Amino acid sequence: MNKTQLVDALAKETGVAKNEVKKVVDSFTDVVAAELKKGGKVQMVGFGTFEVVARAAREGRNPRTGKSMKIKASKAPKFKAGKKLKDEINSKKKK
């Protein structure tokens, strides 16, 4: 599902106009990104948690040449699914 499909599905589910749903989806992603950039996390009980993890500098290999190279330390976003979401995904019932 891409962003347009998500907006369409949410608009259909809620009965809210697509342009309003798109604003909410855009705002959600902007707020989550801003919080992660500050080093915080966004926790939605039952759904999951968005947070930032630090990746240490390390040695890697160039897949084309096979030569070793240094990979700089970086930060990466991470999503950890909540119990309710995991249970929903693993349930046998189909909606």
Protein backbone atom coordinates (compact mmCIF):
# COMPACT_ATOMS: atom_id res chain seq x y z
CA MET A 1 0.00 0.00 0.00
CA ASN A 2 1.42 3.36 -0.95
CA LYS A 3 0.53 6.79 0.46
CA THR A 4 -2.27 7.46 -2.05
CA GLN A 5 -3.85 4.09 -1.32
CA LEU A 6 -3.55 4.74 2.42
CA VAL A 7 -5.28 8.11 2.05
CA ASP A 8 -8.04 6.51 -0.04
CA ALA A 9 -8.57 3.72 2.52
CA LEU A 10 -8.65 6.14 5.46
CA ALA A 11 -11.06 8.45 3.65
CA LYS A 12 -13.37 5.53 2.90
CA GLU A 13 -13.11 4.20 6.50
CA THR A 14 -13.75 7.56 8.17
CA GLY A 15 -15.98 9.34 5.67
CA VAL A 16 -13.60 12.33 5.70
CA ALA A 17 -12.61 14.05 2.45
CA LYS A 18 -9.41 12.76 0.84
CA ASN A 19 -7.71 16.17 0.90
CA GLU A 20 -8.28 16.43 4.66
CA VAL A 21 -7.01 12.89 5.24
CA LYS A 22 -3.92 13.68 3.16
CA LYS A 23 -3.21 16.71 5.38
CA VAL A 24 -3.48 14.52 8.49
CA VAL A 25 -1.21 11.82 7.05
CA ASP A 26 1.36 14.45 5.98
CA SER A 27 1.18 16.08 9.41
CA PHE A 28 1.61 12.71 11.14
CA THR A 29 4.76 11.89 9.19
CA ASP A 30 6.14 15.42 9.72
CA VAL A 31 5.55 15.28 13.49
CA VAL A 32 7.07 11.80 13.83
CA ALA A 33 10.12 12.81 11.77
CA ALA A 34 10.61 16.01 13.81
CA GLU A 35 10.41 14.10 17.11
CA LEU A 36 12.88 11.47 15.92
CA LYS A 37 15.24 14.17 14.67
CA LYS A 38 15.24 15.66 18.19
CA GLY A 39 16.24 12.24 19.54
CA GLY A 40 12.82 11.47 21.02
CA LYS A 41 10.44 8.64 20.31
CA VAL A 42 6.77 8.34 19.41
CA GLN A 43 4.91 5.62 21.27
CA MET A 44 1.42 4.54 20.26
CA VAL A 45 0.26 1.98 22.82
CA GLY A 46 -0.93 -1.19 21.11
CA PHE A 47 0.37 -0.13 17.70
CA GLY A 48 4.09 0.40 18.20
CA THR A 49 6.99 2.74 18.84
CA PHE A 50 9.04 4.84 16.44
CA GLU A 51 12.55 5.58 17.71
CA VAL A 52 16.10 6.31 16.57
CA VAL A 53 18.94 3.82 16.92
CA ALA A 54 22.64 4.64 16.62
CA ARG A 55 24.74 2.58 14.29
CA ALA A 56 28.44 2.40 15.08
CA ALA A 57 31.12 2.99 12.47
CA ARG A 58 32.17 -0.29 10.94
CA GLU A 59 34.13 -1.91 8.18
CA GLY A 60 32.23 -3.12 5.13
CA ARG A 61 32.95 -4.42 1.65
CA ASN A 62 32.25 -2.79 -1.67
CA PRO A 63 30.03 -5.37 -3.42
CA ARG A 64 31.36 -4.42 -6.84
CA THR A 65 35.09 -4.57 -6.13
CA GLY A 66 35.26 -6.62 -2.94
CA LYS A 67 37.57 -4.04 -1.35
CA SER A 68 37.01 -3.18 2.29
CA MET A 69 35.72 0.28 3.11
CA LYS A 70 34.82 2.28 6.19
CA ILE A 71 31.14 2.91 6.87
CA LYS A 72 30.52 6.01 8.97
CA ALA A 73 28.49 5.96 12.17
CA SER A 74 24.88 6.98 11.59
CA LYS A 75 21.43 7.14 13.08
CA ALA A 76 18.49 5.21 11.68
CA PRO A 77 14.75 5.22 12.38
CA LYS A 78 13.32 2.04 13.86
CA PHE A 79 9.77 0.83 14.37
CA LYS A 80 8.95 -1.75 17.02
CA ALA A 81 5.46 -3.25 16.70
CA GLY A 82 3.21 -3.30 19.76
CA LYS A 83 1.50 -6.38 21.16
CA LYS A 84 -1.94 -5.55 19.78
CA LEU A 85 -0.56 -5.08 16.25
CA LYS A 86 1.44 -8.32 16.47
CA ASP A 87 -1.61 -10.20 17.71
CA GLU A 88 -3.75 -8.76 14.90
CA ILE A 89 -1.21 -9.80 12.26
CA ASN A 90 -0.90 -13.30 13.69
CA SER A 91 -4.61 -13.93 14.24
CA LYS A 92 -6.21 -16.65 12.11
CA LYS A 93 -9.34 -14.60 11.38
CA LYS A 94 -9.57 -12.74 8.09
CA LYS A 95 -11.42 -9.45 7.88
